[in-house]
Amino acid sequence: MGLDNPLHIAFLLIIALLVFGAKRLPEMGRSLGAGMRGFKQTLSGEDAPAALVAVPAPPDTAAQASAAPSMSTPGGAGDVDQPAREPDPLVA
């Protein structure tokens, strides 16, 4: 009475599909696979493969310069439509 019968496995998959839905099952499978890979890498002591390591891109100075607010209004008021933000008392 184990899971050696393919009909039992199919029945469990149908129940899981009904309980979790079609959208959640692939997400759960991906997270389970990522957890198993991390566990295997931890046990083997290997570092992450070079293909999976993300290298941060250097900042684009031209995009940052164009995104900087300009002080084109007289008196340097900036955006008048937005109210001034009060400092957060929880941030030290």
PDB file of N, CA and C in Angstrom:
ATOM      1  N   MET A   1       0.809  -1.193   0.000  1.00  0.00           N
ATOM      2  CA  MET A   1       0.000   0.000   0.000  1.00  0.00           C
ATOM      3  C   MET A   1       0.853   1.258   0.000  1.00  0.00           C
ATOM      4  N   GLY A   2       1.999   1.240  -0.606  1.00  0.00           N
ATOM      5  CA  GLY A   2       2.844   2.421  -0.666  1.00  0.00           C
ATOM      6  C   GLY A   2       2.559   3.239  -1.910  1.00  0.00           C
ATOM      7  N   LEU A   3       3.539   4.052  -2.283  1.00  0.00           N
ATOM      8  CA  LEU A   3       3.412   4.872  -3.481  1.00  0.00           C
ATOM      9  C   LEU A   3       4.007   4.193  -4.702  1.00  0.00           C
ATOM     10  N   ASP A   4       4.095   2.860  -4.676  1.00  0.00           N
ATOM     11  CA  ASP A   4       4.655   2.135  -5.800  1.00  0.00           C
ATOM     12  C   ASP A   4       3.675   2.027  -6.962  1.00  0.00           C
ATOM     13  N   ASN A   5       2.411   2.237  -6.710  1.00  0.00           N
ATOM     14  CA  ASN A   5       1.398   2.181  -7.747  1.00  0.00           C
ATOM     15  C   ASN A   5       1.274   3.559  -8.404  1.00  0.00           C
ATOM     16  N   PRO A   6       1.390   3.665  -9.731  1.00  0.00           N
ATOM     17  CA  PRO A   6       1.282   4.965 -10.405  1.00  0.00           C
ATOM     18  C   PRO A   6      -0.085   5.633 -10.199  1.00  0.00           C
ATOM     19  N   LEU A   7      -1.113   4.842  -9.963  1.00  0.00           N
ATOM     20  CA  LEU A   7      -2.437   5.409  -9.718  1.00  0.00           C
ATOM     21  C   LEU A   7      -2.466   6.187  -8.402  1.00  0.00           C
ATOM     22  N   HIS A   8      -1.737   5.725  -7.393  1.00  0.00           N
ATOM     23  CA  HIS A   8      -1.666   6.438  -6.113  1.00  0.00           C
ATOM     24  C   HIS A   8      -0.967   7.787  -6.286  1.00  0.00           C
ATOM     25  N   ILE A   9       0.118   7.790  -7.059  1.00  0.00           N
ATOM     26  CA  ILE A   9       0.857   9.037  -7.294  1.00  0.00           C
ATOM     27  C   ILE A   9      -0.014  10.023  -8.069  1.00  0.00           C
ATOM     28  N   ALA A  10      -0.740   9.538  -9.084  1.00  0.00           N
ATOM     29  CA  ALA A  10      -1.632  10.405  -9.862  1.00  0.00           C
ATOM     30  C   ALA A  10      -2.737  10.972  -8.963  1.00  0.00           C
ATOM     31  N   PHE A  11      -3.266  10.156  -8.088  1.00  0.00           N
ATOM     32  CA  PHE A  11      -4.313  10.617  -7.172  1.00  0.00           C
ATOM     33  C   PHE A  11      -3.780  11.710  -6.241  1.00  0.00           C
ATOM     34  N   LEU A  12      -2.568  11.529  -5.724  1.00  0.00           N
ATOM     35  CA  LEU A  12      -1.980  12.553  -4.859  1.00  0.00           C
ATOM     36  C   LEU A  12      -1.711  13.849  -5.627  1.00  0.00           C
ATOM     37  N   LEU A  13      -1.273  13.760  -6.875  1.00  0.00           N
ATOM     38  CA  LEU A  13      -1.042  14.952  -7.682  1.00  0.00           C
ATOM     39  C   LEU A  13      -2.342  15.710  -7.967  1.00  0.00           C
ATOM     40  N   ILE A  14      -3.418  14.976  -8.208  1.00  0.00           N
ATOM     41  CA  ILE A  14      -4.715  15.621  -8.442  1.00  0.00           C
ATOM     42  C   ILE A  14      -5.190  16.317  -7.174  1.00  0.00           C
ATOM     43  N   ILE A  15      -5.026  15.685  -6.034  1.00  0.00           N
ATOM     44  CA  ILE A  15      -5.411  16.308  -4.763  1.00  0.00           C
ATOM     45  C   ILE A  15      -4.574  17.560  -4.518  1.00  0.00           C
ATOM     46  N   ALA A  16      -3.268  17.490  -4.781  1.00  0.00           N
ATOM     47  CA  ALA A  16      -2.406  18.658  -4.599  1.00  0.00           C
ATOM     48  C   ALA A  16      -2.813  19.782  -5.537  1.00  0.00           C
ATOM     49  N   LEU A  17      -3.187  19.459  -6.761  1.00  0.00           N
ATOM     50  CA  LEU A  17      -3.636  20.470  -7.715  1.00  0.00           C
ATOM     51  C   LEU A  17      -4.916  21.137  -7.237  1.00  0.00           C
ATOM     52  N   LEU A  18      -5.820  20.365  -6.677  1.00  0.00           N
ATOM     53  CA  LEU A  18      -7.066  20.939  -6.166  1.00  0.00           C
ATOM     54  C   LEU A  18      -6.838  21.806  -4.930  1.00  0.00           C
ATOM     55  N   VAL A  19      -5.922  21.396  -4.068  1.00  0.00           N
ATOM     56  CA  VAL A  19      -5.684  22.132  -2.826  1.00  0.00           C
ATOM     57  C   VAL A  19      -4.908  23.418  -3.078  1.00  0.00           C
ATOM     58  N   PHE A  20      -3.807  23.329  -3.834  1.00  0.00           N
ATOM     59  CA  PHE A  20      -2.921  24.482  -4.002  1.00  0.00           C
ATOM     60  C   PHE A  20      -3.214  25.299  -5.251  1.00  0.00           C
ATOM     61  N   GLY A  21      -3.821  24.720  -6.253  1.00  0.00           N
ATOM     62  CA  GLY A  21      -4.114  25.439  -7.478  1.00  0.00           C
ATOM     63  C   GLY A  21      -2.990  25.307  -8.491  1.00  0.00           C
ATOM     64  N   ALA A  22      -3.325  25.601  -9.745  1.00  0.00           N
ATOM     65  CA  ALA A  22      -2.361  25.427 -10.828  1.00  0.00           C
ATOM     66  C   ALA A  22      -1.260  26.480 -10.785  1.00  0.00           C
ATOM     67  N   LYS A  23      -1.530  27.633 -10.197  1.00  0.00           N
ATOM     68  CA  LYS A  23      -0.523  28.695 -10.164  1.00  0.00           C
ATOM     69  C   LYS A  23       0.542  28.440  -9.102  1.00  0.00           C
ATOM     70  N   ARG A  24       0.146  27.903  -7.975  1.00  0.00           N
ATOM     71  CA  ARG A  24       1.084  27.712  -6.863  1.00  0.00           C
ATOM     72  C   ARG A  24       1.997  26.511  -7.015  1.00  0.00           C
ATOM     73  N   LEU A  25       1.565  25.468  -7.717  1.00  0.00           N
ATOM     74  CA  LEU A  25       2.373  24.246  -7.812  1.00  0.00           C
ATOM     75  C   LEU A  25       3.733  24.480  -8.474  1.00  0.00           C
ATOM     76  N   PRO A  26       3.840  25.200  -9.603  1.00  0.00           N
ATOM     77  CA  PRO A  26       5.180  25.441 -10.160  1.00  0.00           C
ATOM     78  C   PRO A  26       6.060  26.279  -9.243  1.00  0.00           C
ATOM     79  N   GLU A  27       5.465  27.258  -8.559  1.00  0.00           N
ATOM     80  CA  GLU A  27       6.239  28.066  -7.607  1.00  0.00           C
ATOM     81  C   GLU A  27       6.771  27.210  -6.472  1.00  0.00           C
ATOM     82  N   MET A  28       5.939  26.314  -5.971  1.00  0.00           N
ATOM     83  CA  MET A  28       6.369  25.435  -4.886  1.00  0.00           C
ATOM     84  C   MET A  28       7.456  24.484  -5.367  1.00  0.00           C
ATOM     85  N   GLY A  29       7.341  24.001  -6.589  1.00  0.00           N
ATOM     86  CA  GLY A  29       8.363  23.107  -7.144  1.00  0.00           C
ATOM     87  C   GLY A  29       9.700  23.812  -7.310  1.00  0.00           C
ATOM     88  N   ARG A  30       9.662  25.070  -7.796  1.00  0.00           N
ATOM     89  CA  ARG A  30      10.903  25.825  -7.957  1.00  0.00           C
ATOM     90  C   ARG A  30      11.559  26.093  -6.614  1.00  0.00           C
ATOM     91  N   SER A  31      10.767  26.493  -5.619  1.00  0.00           N
ATOM     92  CA  SER A  31      11.356  26.778  -4.312  1.00  0.00           C
ATOM     93  C   SER A  31      11.888  25.510  -3.654  1.00  0.00           C
ATOM     94  N   LEU A  32      11.205  24.402  -3.837  1.00  0.00           N
ATOM     95  CA  LEU A  32      11.688  23.129  -3.297  1.00  0.00           C
ATOM     96  C   LEU A  32      12.986  22.718  -3.979  1.00  0.00           C
ATOM     97  N   GLY A  33      13.064  22.896  -5.301  1.00  0.00           N
ATOM     98  CA  GLY A  33      14.286  22.570  -6.026  1.00  0.00           C
ATOM     99  C   GLY A  33      15.451  23.456  -5.617  1.00  0.00           C
ATOM    100  N   ALA A  34      15.183  24.757  -5.431  1.00  0.00           N
ATOM    101  CA  ALA A  34      16.247  25.669  -4.997  1.00  0.00           C
ATOM    102  C   ALA A  34      16.729  25.308  -3.599  1.00  0.00           C
ATOM    103  N   GLY A  35      15.820  24.923  -2.733  1.00  0.00           N
ATOM    104  CA  GLY A  35      16.209  24.505  -1.386  1.00  0.00           C
ATOM    105  C   GLY A  35      17.038  23.240  -1.391  1.00  0.00           C
ATOM    106  N   MET A  36      16.659  22.301  -2.241  1.00  0.00           N
ATOM    107  CA  MET A  36      17.423  21.052  -2.338  1.00  0.00           C
ATOM    108  C   MET A  36      18.815  21.299  -2.911  1.00  0.00           C
ATOM    109  N   ARG A  37      18.925  22.205  -3.917  1.00  0.00           N
ATOM    110  CA  ARG A  37      20.240  22.536  -4.467  1.00  0.00           C
ATOM    111  C   ARG A  37      21.115  23.205  -3.416  1.00  0.00           C
ATOM    112  N   GLY A  38      20.528  24.135  -2.654  1.00  0.00           N
ATOM    113  CA  GLY A  38      21.297  24.797  -1.601  1.00  0.00           C
ATOM    114  C   GLY A  38      21.756  23.819  -0.538  1.00  0.00           C
ATOM    115  N   PHE A  39      20.887  22.893  -0.165  1.00  0.00           N
ATOM    116  CA  PHE A  39      21.246  21.885   0.831  1.00  0.00           C
ATOM    117  C   PHE A  39      22.368  20.993   0.319  1.00  0.00           C
ATOM    118  N   LYS A  40      22.277  20.595  -0.963  1.00  0.00           N
ATOM    119  CA  LYS A  40      23.307  19.739  -1.554  1.00  0.00           C
ATOM    120  C   LYS A  40      24.648  20.470  -1.622  1.00  0.00           C
ATOM    121  N   GLN A  41      24.627  21.757  -1.997  1.00  0.00           N
ATOM    122  CA  GLN A  41      25.859  22.532  -2.066  1.00  0.00           C
ATOM    123  C   GLN A  41      26.461  22.734  -0.686  1.00  0.00           C
ATOM    124  N   THR A  42      25.625  22.889   0.327  1.00  0.00           N
ATOM    125  CA  THR A  42      26.120  23.051   1.688  1.00  0.00           C
ATOM    126  C   THR A  42      26.794  21.770   2.174  1.00  0.00           C
ATOM    127  N   LEU A  43      26.194  20.636   1.865  1.00  0.00           N
ATOM    128  CA  LEU A  43      26.772  19.363   2.293  1.00  0.00           C
ATOM    129  C   LEU A  43      28.068  19.057   1.568  1.00  0.00           C
ATOM    130  N   SER A  44      28.120  19.373   0.269  1.00  0.00           N
ATOM    131  CA  SER A  44      29.319  19.056  -0.499  1.00  0.00           C
ATOM    132  C   SER A  44      30.430  20.077  -0.279  1.00  0.00           C
ATOM    133  N   GLY A  45      30.106  21.262   0.198  1.00  0.00           N
ATOM    134  CA  GLY A  45      31.112  22.284   0.459  1.00  0.00           C
ATOM    135  C   GLY A  45      31.539  23.051  -0.769  1.00  0.00           C
ATOM    136  N   GLU A  46      30.811  22.904  -1.866  1.00  0.00           N
ATOM    137  CA  GLU A  46      31.153  23.609  -3.093  1.00  0.00           C
ATOM    138  C   GLU A  46      30.600  25.029  -3.053  1.00  0.00           C
ATOM    139  N   ASP A  47      31.298  25.916  -3.757  1.00  0.00           N
ATOM    140  CA  ASP A  47      30.786  27.272  -3.911  1.00  0.00           C
ATOM    141  C   ASP A  47      29.767  27.280  -5.035  1.00  0.00           C
ATOM    142  N   ALA A  48      29.080  28.413  -5.184  1.00  0.00           N
ATOM    143  CA  ALA A  48      28.089  28.551  -6.241  1.00  0.00           C
ATOM    144  C   ALA A  48      28.787  28.528  -7.600  1.00  0.00           C
ATOM    145  N   PRO A  49      28.188  27.891  -8.594  1.00  0.00           N
ATOM    146  CA  PRO A  49      28.794  27.875  -9.933  1.00  0.00           C
ATOM    147  C   PRO A  49      28.919  29.292 -10.477  1.00  0.00           C
ATOM    148  N   ALA A  50      29.908  29.501 -11.341  1.00  0.00           N
ATOM    149  CA  ALA A  50      30.174  30.837 -11.877  1.00  0.00           C
ATOM    150  C   ALA A  50      29.007  31.353 -12.699  1.00  0.00           C
ATOM    151  N   ALA A  51      28.218  30.470 -13.311  1.00  0.00           N
ATOM    152  CA  ALA A  51      27.094  30.902 -14.127  1.00  0.00           C
ATOM    153  C   ALA A  51      25.967  31.471 -13.269  1.00  0.00           C
ATOM    154  N   LEU A  52      25.874  31.044 -12.018  1.00  0.00           N
ATOM    155  CA  LEU A  52      24.796  31.512 -11.156  1.00  0.00           C
ATOM    156  C   LEU A  52      25.168  32.754 -10.353  1.00  0.00           C
ATOM    157  N   VAL A  53      26.429  33.100 -10.322  1.00  0.00           N
ATOM    158  CA  VAL A  53      26.854  34.259  -9.548  1.00  0.00           C
ATOM    159  C   VAL A  53      26.584  35.509 -10.372  1.00  0.00           C
ATOM    160  N   ALA A  54      25.823  36.425  -9.812  1.00  0.00           N
ATOM    161  CA  ALA A  54      25.481  37.653 -10.514  1.00  0.00           C
ATOM    162  C   ALA A  54      26.562  38.700 -10.282  1.00  0.00           C
ATOM    163  N   VAL A  55      27.035  39.280 -11.369  1.00  0.00           N
ATOM    164  CA  VAL A  55      28.038  40.333 -11.285  1.00  0.00           C
ATOM    165  C   VAL A  55      27.307  41.661 -11.434  1.00  0.00           C
ATOM    166  N   PRO A  56      27.411  42.549 -10.452  1.00  0.00           N
ATOM    167  CA  PRO A  56      26.688  43.820 -10.562  1.00  0.00           C
ATOM    168  C   PRO A  56      27.269  44.668 -11.676  1.00  0.00           C
ATOM    169  N   ALA A  57      26.383  45.297 -12.423  1.00  0.00           N
ATOM    170  CA  ALA A  57      26.806  46.150 -13.528  1.00  0.00           C
ATOM    171  C   ALA A  57      27.287  47.489 -12.977  1.00  0.00           C
ATOM    172  N   PRO A  58      28.279  48.095 -13.625  1.00  0.00           N
ATOM    173  CA  PRO A  58      28.735  49.400 -13.163  1.00  0.00           C
ATOM    174  C   PRO A  58      27.628  50.438 -13.364  1.00  0.00           C
ATOM    175  N   PRO A  59      27.528  51.399 -12.487  1.00  0.00           N
ATOM    176  CA  PRO A  59      26.453  52.392 -12.610  1.00  0.00           C
ATOM    177  C   PRO A  59      26.661  53.249 -13.850  1.00  0.00           C
ATOM    178  N   ASP A  60      25.559  53.564 -14.493  1.00  0.00           N
ATOM    179  CA  ASP A  60      25.589  54.388 -15.694  1.00  0.00           C
ATOM    180  C   ASP A  60      25.484  55.845 -15.265  1.00  0.00           C
ATOM    181  N   THR A  61      26.562  56.597 -15.424  1.00  0.00           N
ATOM    182  CA  THR A  61      26.582  57.986 -14.957  1.00  0.00           C
ATOM    183  C   THR A  61      25.694  58.879 -15.798  1.00  0.00           C
ATOM    184  N   ALA A  62      25.499  58.562 -17.074  1.00  0.00           N
ATOM    185  CA  ALA A  62      24.640  59.386 -17.919  1.00  0.00           C
ATOM    186  C   ALA A  62      23.184  59.252 -17.484  1.00  0.00           C
ATOM    187  N   ALA A  63      22.765  58.044 -17.125  1.00  0.00           N
ATOM    188  CA  ALA A  63      21.386  57.843 -16.683  1.00  0.00           C
ATOM    189  C   ALA A  63      21.157  58.503 -15.329  1.00  0.00           C
ATOM    190  N   GLN A  64      22.163  58.483 -14.462  1.00  0.00           N
ATOM    191  CA  GLN A  64      22.015  59.120 -13.160  1.00  0.00           C
ATOM    192  C   GLN A  64      21.957  60.628 -13.302  1.00  0.00           C
ATOM    193  N   ALA A  65      22.717  61.187 -14.236  1.00  0.00           N
ATOM    194  CA  ALA A  65      22.727  62.635 -14.426  1.00  0.00           C
ATOM    195  C   ALA A  65      21.387  63.106 -14.980  1.00  0.00           C
ATOM    196  N   SER A  66      20.769  62.319 -15.856  1.00  0.00           N
ATOM    197  CA  SER A  66      19.483  62.725 -16.414  1.00  0.00           C
ATOM    198  C   SER A  66      18.361  62.527 -15.410  1.00  0.00           C
ATOM    199  N   ALA A  67      18.539  61.627 -14.453  1.00  0.00           N
ATOM    200  CA  ALA A  67      17.512  61.379 -13.455  1.00  0.00           C
ATOM    201  C   ALA A  67      17.601  62.360 -12.286  1.00  0.00           C
ATOM    202  N   ALA A  68      18.668  63.133 -12.203  1.00  0.00           N
ATOM    203  CA  ALA A  68      18.828  64.076 -11.106  1.00  0.00           C
ATOM    204  C   ALA A  68      17.818  65.210 -11.253  1.00  0.00           C
ATOM    205  N   PRO A  69      17.194  65.664 -10.157  1.00  0.00           N
ATOM    206  CA  PRO A  69      16.212  66.747 -10.259  1.00  0.00           C
ATOM    207  C   PRO A  69      16.896  68.056 -10.655  1.00  0.00           C
ATOM    208  N   SER A  70      16.220  68.783 -11.478  1.00  0.00           N
ATOM    209  CA  SER A  70      16.773  70.064 -11.919  1.00  0.00           C
ATOM    210  C   SER A  70      16.137  71.192 -11.124  1.00  0.00           C
ATOM    211  N   MET A  71      16.867  72.238 -10.916  1.00  0.00           N
ATOM    212  CA  MET A  71      16.396  73.402 -10.175  1.00  0.00           C
ATOM    213  C   MET A  71      16.088  74.520 -11.163  1.00  0.00           C
ATOM    214  N   SER A  72      15.090  74.300 -12.023  1.00  0.00           N
ATOM    215  CA  SER A  72      14.796  75.268 -13.063  1.00  0.00           C
ATOM    216  C   SER A  72      13.806  76.326 -12.610  1.00  0.00           C
ATOM    217  N   THR A  73      13.153  76.151 -11.467  1.00  0.00           N
ATOM    218  CA  THR A  73      12.196  77.152 -11.006  1.00  0.00           C
ATOM    219  C   THR A  73      12.929  78.270 -10.289  1.00  0.00           C
ATOM    220  N   PRO A  74      12.405  79.479 -10.357  1.00  0.00           N
ATOM    221  CA  PRO A  74      13.058  80.603  -9.674  1.00  0.00           C
ATOM    222  C   PRO A  74      13.063  80.385  -8.167  1.00  0.00           C
ATOM    223  N   GLY A  75      14.156  80.662  -7.561  1.00  0.00           N
ATOM    224  CA  GLY A  75      14.272  80.504  -6.116  1.00  0.00           C
ATOM    225  C   GLY A  75      14.659  79.094  -5.711  1.00  0.00           C
ATOM    226  N   GLY A  76      14.781  78.157  -6.654  1.00  0.00           N
ATOM    227  CA  GLY A  76      15.201  76.795  -6.344  1.00  0.00           C
ATOM    228  C   GLY A  76      14.191  76.033  -5.514  1.00  0.00           C
ATOM    229  N   ALA A  77      12.892  76.207  -5.781  1.00  0.00           N
ATOM    230  CA  ALA A  77      11.861  75.561  -4.978  1.00  0.00           C
ATOM    231  C   ALA A  77      11.693  74.097  -5.332  1.00  0.00           C
ATOM    232  N   GLY A  78      12.108  73.675  -6.529  1.00  0.00           N
ATOM    233  CA  GLY A  78      11.959  72.275  -6.912  1.00  0.00           C
ATOM    234  C   GLY A  78      10.515  71.962  -7.236  1.00  0.00           C
ATOM    235  N   ASP A  79      10.044  70.756  -6.916  1.00  0.00           N
ATOM    236  CA  ASP A  79       8.661  70.370  -7.161  1.00  0.00           C
ATOM    237  C   ASP A  79       7.771  70.962  -6.087  1.00  0.00           C
ATOM    238  N   VAL A  80       6.898  71.861  -6.488  1.00  0.00           N
ATOM    239  CA  VAL A  80       6.022  72.522  -5.531  1.00  0.00           C
ATOM    240  C   VAL A  80       4.805  71.657  -5.240  1.00  0.00           C
ATOM    241  N   ASP A  81       4.452  70.746  -6.170  1.00  0.00           N
ATOM    242  CA  ASP A  81       3.262  69.930  -6.016  1.00  0.00           C
ATOM    243  C   ASP A  81       3.376  68.923  -4.883  1.00  0.00           C
ATOM    244  N   GLN A  82       4.586  68.499  -4.547  1.00  0.00           N
ATOM    245  CA  GLN A  82       4.764  67.495  -3.515  1.00  0.00           C
ATOM    246  C   GLN A  82       4.987  68.172  -2.166  1.00  0.00           C
ATOM    247  N   PRO A  83       4.271  67.720  -1.128  1.00  0.00           N
ATOM    248  CA  PRO A  83       4.477  68.312   0.202  1.00  0.00           C
ATOM    249  C   PRO A  83       5.819  67.885   0.780  1.00  0.00           C
ATOM    250  N   ALA A  84       6.331  68.684   1.684  1.00  0.00           N
ATOM    251  CA  ALA A  84       7.585  68.369   2.335  1.00  0.00           C
ATOM    252  C   ALA A  84       7.404  67.147   3.230  1.00  0.00           C
ATOM    253  N   ARG A  85       8.378  66.251   3.212  1.00  0.00           N
ATOM    254  CA  ARG A  85       8.299  65.041   4.029  1.00  0.00           C
ATOM    255  C   ARG A  85       8.901  65.307   5.397  1.00  0.00           C
ATOM    256  N   GLU A  86       8.207  64.836   6.399  1.00  0.00           N
ATOM    257  CA  GLU A  86       8.715  64.950   7.756  1.00  0.00           C
ATOM    258  C   GLU A  86       9.677  63.804   8.021  1.00  0.00           C
ATOM    259  N   PRO A  87      10.702  64.022   8.830  1.00  0.00           N
ATOM    260  CA  PRO A  87      11.620  62.929   9.149  1.00  0.00           C
ATOM    261  C   PRO A  87      10.899  61.832   9.923  1.00  0.00           C
ATOM    262  N   ASP A  88      11.304  60.605   9.653  1.00  0.00           N
ATOM    263  CA  ASP A  88      10.717  59.464  10.327  1.00  0.00           C
ATOM    264  C   ASP A  88      11.273  59.373  11.753  1.00  0.00           C
ATOM    265  N   PRO A  89      10.420  59.361  12.775  1.00  0.00           N
ATOM    266  CA  PRO A  89      10.934  59.328  14.153  1.00  0.00           C
ATOM    267  C   PRO A  89      11.562  57.984  14.516  1.00  0.00           C
ATOM    268  N   LEU A  90      11.284  56.928  13.742  1.00  0.00           N
ATOM    269  CA  LEU A  90      11.839  55.606  14.070  1.00  0.00           C
ATOM    270  C   LEU A  90      13.245  55.409  13.520  1.00  0.00           C
ATOM    271  N   VAL A  91      13.638  56.232  12.560  1.00  0.00           N
ATOM    272  CA  VAL A  91      14.949  56.107  11.954  1.00  0.00           C
ATOM    273  C   VAL A  91      15.927  56.959  12.746  1.00  0.00           C
ATOM    274  N   ALA A  92      17.001  56.316  13.225  1.00  0.00           N
ATOM    275  CA  ALA A  92      17.957  57.069  14.021  1.00  0.00           C
ATOM    276  C   ALA A  92      19.127  57.509  13.187  1.00  0.00           C
TER     277      ALA A  92
END
